[in-house]
Amino acid sequence: MTENKPPTEAQASAASNADQPGRPYYEQLRTTLRGTLDKKRKLDEQLAALEDQIFKLEGAYLEETSNSGNIVRGFDGWVKGVSVGGRAGDDRRRGRVRDEDRVFSHSSVGWMKVSMLRF
């Protein structure tokens, strides 16, 4: 009558592993892949936040230095003696940041991906 007993869990898993010898390796790879994809997602989020911060800081720099000179446009205004910042009245004379002046933002990987999708 011992031949009619149902197999125990250990016997069942050993039998299933015998039927599928690559199964443990597959499960290990699957777990590793899930962990790696989670890490990639987190890194992508951090990269997007960093690119956004660079974009904002670059815009602030370009707006603040548009009248006197900056690393993109040159320092002709500074040589001529134009002051930077200061009074509230200067805010209306601040130049708008042109898209082609954003050297640092446009060098990022995220911007390159977006620009490739536009064309």
N, C-alpha and C. Protein backbone atom coordinates (compact mmCIF):
# COMPACT_ATOMS: atom_id res chain seq x y z
N MET A 1 0.80 -1.20 0.00
CA MET A 1 0.00 0.00 0.00
C MET A 1 0.84 1.26 0.00
N THR A 2 2.09 1.15 0.17
CA THR A 2 2.95 2.33 0.18
C THR A 2 3.06 2.96 -1.20
N GLU A 3 2.75 2.22 -2.22
CA GLU A 3 2.85 2.80 -3.56
C GLU A 3 1.72 3.77 -3.87
N ASN A 4 0.66 3.83 -3.05
CA ASN A 4 -0.46 4.74 -3.27
C ASN A 4 -0.34 6.06 -2.50
N LYS A 5 0.77 6.28 -1.75
CA LYS A 5 0.93 7.50 -1.00
C LYS A 5 1.28 8.66 -1.96
N PRO A 6 0.71 9.85 -1.67
CA PRO A 6 1.08 10.99 -2.50
C PRO A 6 2.52 11.41 -2.19
N PRO A 7 3.23 11.93 -3.17
CA PRO A 7 4.62 12.32 -2.93
C PRO A 7 4.70 13.54 -2.02
N THR A 8 5.74 13.61 -1.23
CA THR A 8 5.95 14.77 -0.36
C THR A 8 6.45 15.94 -1.20
N GLU A 9 6.52 17.15 -0.59
CA GLU A 9 6.96 18.34 -1.32
C GLU A 9 8.40 18.21 -1.80
N ALA A 10 9.25 17.67 -0.97
CA ALA A 10 10.66 17.52 -1.35
C ALA A 10 10.79 16.57 -2.53
N GLN A 11 10.02 15.49 -2.49
CA GLN A 11 10.07 14.55 -3.61
C GLN A 11 9.48 15.18 -4.87
N ALA A 12 8.42 15.99 -4.70
CA ALA A 12 7.79 16.62 -5.87
C ALA A 12 8.72 17.64 -6.50
N SER A 13 9.41 18.46 -5.67
CA SER A 13 10.31 19.47 -6.23
C SER A 13 11.53 18.81 -6.86
N ALA A 14 12.02 17.72 -6.25
CA ALA A 14 13.15 17.00 -6.84
C ALA A 14 12.75 16.39 -8.17
N ALA A 15 11.52 15.88 -8.23
CA ALA A 15 11.04 15.30 -9.48
C ALA A 15 10.86 16.38 -10.55
N SER A 16 10.33 17.55 -10.15
CA SER A 16 10.13 18.61 -11.13
C SER A 16 11.48 19.16 -11.61
N ASN A 17 12.49 19.25 -10.70
CA ASN A 17 13.82 19.69 -11.10
C ASN A 17 14.49 18.67 -12.01
N ALA A 18 14.17 17.41 -11.79
CA ALA A 18 14.72 16.38 -12.66
C ALA A 18 14.11 16.49 -14.06
N ASP A 19 12.84 16.90 -14.12
CA ASP A 19 12.18 17.07 -15.42
C ASP A 19 12.68 18.33 -16.12
N GLN A 20 13.05 19.37 -15.34
CA GLN A 20 13.51 20.65 -15.88
C GLN A 20 14.86 21.00 -15.25
N PRO A 21 15.94 20.46 -15.75
CA PRO A 21 17.23 20.65 -15.10
C PRO A 21 17.73 22.10 -15.12
N GLY A 22 17.30 22.91 -16.02
CA GLY A 22 17.75 24.30 -16.08
C GLY A 22 16.90 25.26 -15.30
N ARG A 23 15.88 24.77 -14.64
CA ARG A 23 14.93 25.63 -13.92
C ARG A 23 15.58 26.47 -12.81
N PRO A 24 16.42 25.92 -11.94
CA PRO A 24 17.03 26.76 -10.89
C PRO A 24 17.89 27.88 -11.47
N TYR A 25 18.63 27.59 -12.52
CA TYR A 25 19.45 28.60 -13.17
C TYR A 25 18.57 29.70 -13.77
N TYR A 26 17.47 29.30 -14.38
CA TYR A 26 16.52 30.25 -14.95
C TYR A 26 15.94 31.16 -13.87
N GLU A 27 15.56 30.58 -12.76
CA GLU A 27 14.99 31.37 -11.66
C GLU A 27 16.01 32.35 -11.10
N GLN A 28 17.27 31.93 -11.00
CA GLN A 28 18.33 32.81 -10.52
C GLN A 28 18.53 33.98 -11.49
N LEU A 29 18.56 33.70 -12.77
CA LEU A 29 18.70 34.76 -13.77
C LEU A 29 17.51 35.71 -13.75
N ARG A 30 16.35 35.16 -13.56
CA ARG A 30 15.13 35.97 -13.51
C ARG A 30 15.16 36.93 -12.31
N THR A 31 15.59 36.43 -11.17
CA THR A 31 15.71 37.27 -9.97
C THR A 31 16.76 38.35 -10.18
N THR A 32 17.88 38.01 -10.77
CA THR A 32 18.94 38.97 -11.05
C THR A 32 18.44 40.04 -12.02
N LEU A 33 17.71 39.64 -13.02
CA LEU A 33 17.17 40.59 -14.00
C LEU A 33 16.20 41.57 -13.35
N ARG A 34 15.33 41.07 -12.49
CA ARG A 34 14.39 41.96 -11.80
C ARG A 34 15.13 42.98 -10.94
N GLY A 35 16.14 42.53 -10.21
CA GLY A 35 16.94 43.44 -9.39
C GLY A 35 17.66 44.48 -10.23
N THR A 36 18.20 44.07 -11.35
CA THR A 36 18.92 44.98 -12.23
C THR A 36 17.97 46.00 -12.86
N LEU A 37 16.79 45.56 -13.24
CA LEU A 37 15.81 46.50 -13.81
C LEU A 37 15.34 47.52 -12.78
N ASP A 38 15.19 47.10 -11.54
CA ASP A 38 14.84 48.04 -10.47
C ASP A 38 15.94 49.07 -10.27
N LYS A 39 17.20 48.63 -10.26
CA LYS A 39 18.32 49.55 -10.14
C LYS A 39 18.35 50.54 -11.30
N LYS A 40 18.11 50.04 -12.51
CA LYS A 40 18.11 50.91 -13.69
C LYS A 40 17.00 51.96 -13.60
N ARG A 41 15.84 51.55 -13.15
CA ARG A 41 14.73 52.49 -13.01
C ARG A 41 15.08 53.59 -12.02
N LYS A 42 15.67 53.23 -10.90
CA LYS A 42 16.07 54.22 -9.90
C LYS A 42 17.14 55.16 -10.44
N LEU A 43 18.10 54.61 -11.16
CA LEU A 43 19.15 55.45 -11.75
C LEU A 43 18.59 56.39 -12.81
N ASP A 44 17.62 55.90 -13.59
CA ASP A 44 16.98 56.76 -14.58
C ASP A 44 16.25 57.93 -13.92
N GLU A 45 15.60 57.66 -12.80
CA GLU A 45 14.91 58.72 -12.06
C GLU A 45 15.91 59.73 -11.52
N GLN A 46 17.02 59.25 -10.98
CA GLN A 46 18.05 60.15 -10.45
C GLN A 46 18.67 60.99 -11.57
N LEU A 47 18.90 60.37 -12.72
CA LEU A 47 19.46 61.09 -13.86
C LEU A 47 18.51 62.17 -14.34
N ALA A 48 17.22 61.86 -14.40
CA ALA A 48 16.23 62.86 -14.83
C ALA A 48 16.18 64.03 -13.86
N ALA A 49 16.25 63.75 -12.56
CA ALA A 49 16.25 64.82 -11.57
C ALA A 49 17.51 65.68 -11.69
N LEU A 50 18.64 65.05 -11.92
CA LEU A 50 19.89 65.79 -12.07
C LEU A 50 19.88 66.64 -13.34
N GLU A 51 19.37 66.11 -14.43
CA GLU A 51 19.28 66.88 -15.67
C GLU A 51 18.34 68.07 -15.50
N ASP A 52 17.26 67.89 -14.76
CA ASP A 52 16.34 68.99 -14.50
C ASP A 52 17.01 70.08 -13.67
N GLN A 53 17.78 69.67 -12.68
CA GLN A 53 18.50 70.63 -11.85
C GLN A 53 19.53 71.39 -12.68
N ILE A 54 20.25 70.71 -13.55
CA ILE A 54 21.22 71.37 -14.43
C ILE A 54 20.52 72.37 -15.34
N PHE A 55 19.37 71.99 -15.88
CA PHE A 55 18.60 72.87 -16.76
C PHE A 55 18.21 74.15 -16.03
N LYS A 56 17.73 74.01 -14.80
CA LYS A 56 17.30 75.19 -14.03
C LYS A 56 18.47 76.09 -13.65
N LEU A 57 19.56 75.49 -13.19
CA LEU A 57 20.72 76.28 -12.80
C LEU A 57 21.36 76.96 -14.01
N GLU A 58 21.38 76.27 -15.11
CA GLU A 58 21.92 76.85 -16.34
C GLU A 58 21.07 78.03 -16.79
N GLY A 59 19.76 77.88 -16.71
CA GLY A 59 18.86 78.99 -17.08
C GLY A 59 19.05 80.19 -16.17
N ALA A 60 19.20 79.94 -14.88
CA ALA A 60 19.42 81.04 -13.94
C ALA A 60 20.74 81.75 -14.25
N TYR A 61 21.78 80.99 -14.53
CA TYR A 61 23.08 81.59 -14.86
C TYR A 61 22.99 82.41 -16.14
N LEU A 62 22.36 81.85 -17.16
CA LEU A 62 22.29 82.56 -18.44
C LEU A 62 21.44 83.81 -18.33
N GLU A 63 20.36 83.77 -17.55
CA GLU A 63 19.54 84.97 -17.36
C GLU A 63 20.29 86.04 -16.58
N GLU A 64 20.98 85.63 -15.55
CA GLU A 64 21.68 86.59 -14.69
C GLU A 64 22.83 87.27 -15.42
N THR A 65 23.47 86.55 -16.30
CA THR A 65 24.66 87.08 -16.96
C THR A 65 24.42 87.50 -18.40
N SER A 66 23.17 87.59 -18.82
CA SER A 66 22.90 87.90 -20.22
C SER A 66 23.36 89.30 -20.62
N ASN A 67 23.32 90.26 -19.70
CA ASN A 67 23.71 91.62 -20.04
C ASN A 67 25.21 91.85 -19.95
N SER A 68 25.87 91.19 -19.03
CA SER A 68 27.28 91.48 -18.81
C SER A 68 28.21 90.52 -19.53
N GLY A 69 27.80 89.32 -19.74
CA GLY A 69 28.63 88.33 -20.40
C GLY A 69 28.63 87.02 -19.65
N ASN A 70 28.80 85.96 -20.38
CA ASN A 70 28.84 84.64 -19.77
C ASN A 70 29.72 83.73 -20.60
N ILE A 71 29.83 82.52 -20.18
CA ILE A 71 30.74 81.58 -20.83
C ILE A 71 30.28 81.22 -22.25
N VAL A 72 29.01 81.35 -22.53
CA VAL A 72 28.49 80.99 -23.84
C VAL A 72 28.62 82.15 -24.82
N ARG A 73 28.21 83.33 -24.42
CA ARG A 73 28.18 84.51 -25.28
C ARG A 73 29.49 85.30 -25.28
N GLY A 74 30.31 85.08 -24.32
CA GLY A 74 31.54 85.86 -24.21
C GLY A 74 31.37 86.94 -23.15
N PHE A 75 32.44 87.65 -22.88
CA PHE A 75 32.45 88.61 -21.80
C PHE A 75 32.61 90.05 -22.29
N ASP A 76 32.06 90.36 -23.46
CA ASP A 76 32.15 91.72 -23.99
C ASP A 76 31.45 92.72 -23.08
N GLY A 77 30.30 92.35 -22.53
CA GLY A 77 29.58 93.24 -21.63
C GLY A 77 30.35 93.52 -20.36
N TRP A 78 31.09 92.55 -19.89
CA TRP A 78 31.88 92.73 -18.68
C TRP A 78 33.05 93.68 -18.94
N VAL A 79 33.63 93.56 -20.12
CA VAL A 79 34.74 94.44 -20.49
C VAL A 79 34.24 95.88 -20.61
N LYS A 80 33.01 96.06 -21.07
CA LYS A 80 32.44 97.40 -21.24
C LYS A 80 31.97 98.00 -19.91
N GLY A 81 31.94 97.20 -18.84
CA GLY A 81 31.61 97.73 -17.52
C GLY A 81 30.15 97.64 -17.14
N VAL A 82 29.39 96.73 -17.71
CA VAL A 82 27.99 96.55 -17.34
C VAL A 82 27.94 95.75 -16.05
N SER A 83 27.10 96.18 -15.11
CA SER A 83 27.00 95.47 -13.83
C SER A 83 26.01 94.31 -13.94
N VAL A 84 26.22 93.32 -13.10
CA VAL A 84 25.39 92.12 -13.09
C VAL A 84 24.50 92.15 -11.86
N GLY A 85 23.22 91.78 -12.04
CA GLY A 85 22.30 91.67 -10.91
C GLY A 85 22.07 93.01 -10.25
N GLY A 86 21.69 92.99 -8.98
CA GLY A 86 21.55 94.23 -8.23
C GLY A 86 20.11 94.65 -8.08
N ARG A 87 19.72 95.69 -8.77
CA ARG A 87 18.39 96.30 -8.58
C ARG A 87 17.27 95.47 -9.18
N ALA A 88 16.06 95.72 -8.65
CA ALA A 88 14.89 95.00 -9.14
C ALA A 88 14.53 95.45 -10.55
N GLY A 89 14.88 96.66 -10.92
CA GLY A 89 14.58 97.17 -12.26
C GLY A 89 15.34 96.42 -13.34
N ASP A 90 16.43 95.78 -12.96
CA ASP A 90 17.22 95.03 -13.94
C ASP A 90 16.53 93.75 -14.38
N ASP A 91 15.58 93.29 -13.60
CA ASP A 91 14.89 92.04 -13.94
C ASP A 91 14.17 92.13 -15.27
N ARG A 92 13.61 93.27 -15.59
CA ARG A 92 12.86 93.37 -16.84
C ARG A 92 13.79 93.42 -18.04
N ARG A 93 15.06 93.80 -17.82
CA ARG A 93 16.01 93.87 -18.92
C ARG A 93 16.78 92.56 -19.11
N ARG A 94 16.55 91.63 -18.25
CA ARG A 94 17.23 90.35 -18.40
C ARG A 94 16.81 89.71 -19.72
N GLY A 95 17.77 89.19 -20.40
CA GLY A 95 17.47 88.55 -21.67
C GLY A 95 16.87 87.19 -21.48
N ARG A 96 16.10 86.81 -22.43
CA ARG A 96 15.55 85.45 -22.39
C ARG A 96 16.63 84.48 -22.81
N VAL A 97 16.56 83.31 -22.26
CA VAL A 97 17.55 82.29 -22.57
C VAL A 97 17.16 81.63 -23.88
N ARG A 98 18.08 81.69 -24.81
CA ARG A 98 17.82 81.04 -26.10
C ARG A 98 18.16 79.56 -25.99
N ASP A 99 17.46 78.77 -26.76
CA ASP A 99 17.65 77.33 -26.69
C ASP A 99 19.07 76.92 -27.11
N GLU A 100 19.63 77.60 -28.07
CA GLU A 100 20.98 77.24 -28.53
C GLU A 100 22.07 77.63 -27.54
N ASP A 101 21.74 78.46 -26.52
CA ASP A 101 22.71 78.83 -25.49
C ASP A 101 22.83 77.77 -24.41
N ARG A 102 21.96 76.84 -24.38
CA ARG A 102 21.96 75.81 -23.33
C ARG A 102 22.95 74.69 -23.69
N VAL A 103 24.21 75.00 -23.53
CA VAL A 103 25.27 74.06 -23.88
C VAL A 103 25.28 72.84 -22.97
N PHE A 104 25.12 73.06 -21.69
CA PHE A 104 25.22 71.96 -20.73
C PHE A 104 23.99 71.06 -20.78
N SER A 105 22.81 71.65 -20.87
CA SER A 105 21.58 70.85 -20.94
C SER A 105 21.53 70.02 -22.21
N HIS A 106 22.00 70.60 -23.30
CA HIS A 106 21.93 69.88 -24.58
C HIS A 106 22.99 68.81 -24.73
N SER A 107 23.92 68.76 -23.80
CA SER A 107 24.94 67.72 -23.88
C SER A 107 24.54 66.47 -23.11
N SER A 108 23.39 66.49 -22.47
CA SER A 108 22.97 65.34 -21.67
C SER A 108 22.37 64.24 -22.54
N VAL A 109 22.39 63.05 -22.01
CA VAL A 109 21.85 61.89 -22.73
C VAL A 109 20.34 62.02 -22.89
N GLY A 110 19.67 62.50 -21.85
CA GLY A 110 18.21 62.64 -21.89
C GLY A 110 17.76 63.61 -22.96
N TRP A 111 18.46 64.73 -23.11
CA TRP A 111 18.09 65.69 -24.14
C TRP A 111 18.32 65.11 -25.52
N MET A 112 19.39 64.34 -25.68
CA MET A 112 19.67 63.73 -26.98
C MET A 112 18.56 62.78 -27.37
N LYS A 113 18.05 62.03 -26.40
CA LYS A 113 16.95 61.09 -26.70
C LYS A 113 15.71 61.87 -27.13
N VAL A 114 15.40 62.96 -26.44
CA VAL A 114 14.22 63.76 -26.77
C VAL A 114 14.37 64.39 -28.14
N SER A 115 15.55 64.90 -28.44
CA SER A 115 15.77 65.54 -29.74
C SER A 115 15.71 64.54 -30.88
N MET A 116 16.11 63.31 -30.62
CA MET A 116 16.03 62.27 -31.66
C MET A 116 14.57 61.93 -31.95
N LEU A 117 13.71 62.00 -30.94
CA LEU A 117 12.30 61.68 -31.15
C LEU A 117 11.58 62.79 -31.91
N ARG A 118 12.10 64.02 -31.83
CA ARG A 118 11.47 65.14 -32.53
C ARG A 118 11.61 65.02 -34.04
N PHE A 119 12.69 64.45 -34.50
CA PHE A 119 12.96 64.41 -35.95
C PHE A 119 12.52 63.16 -36.57
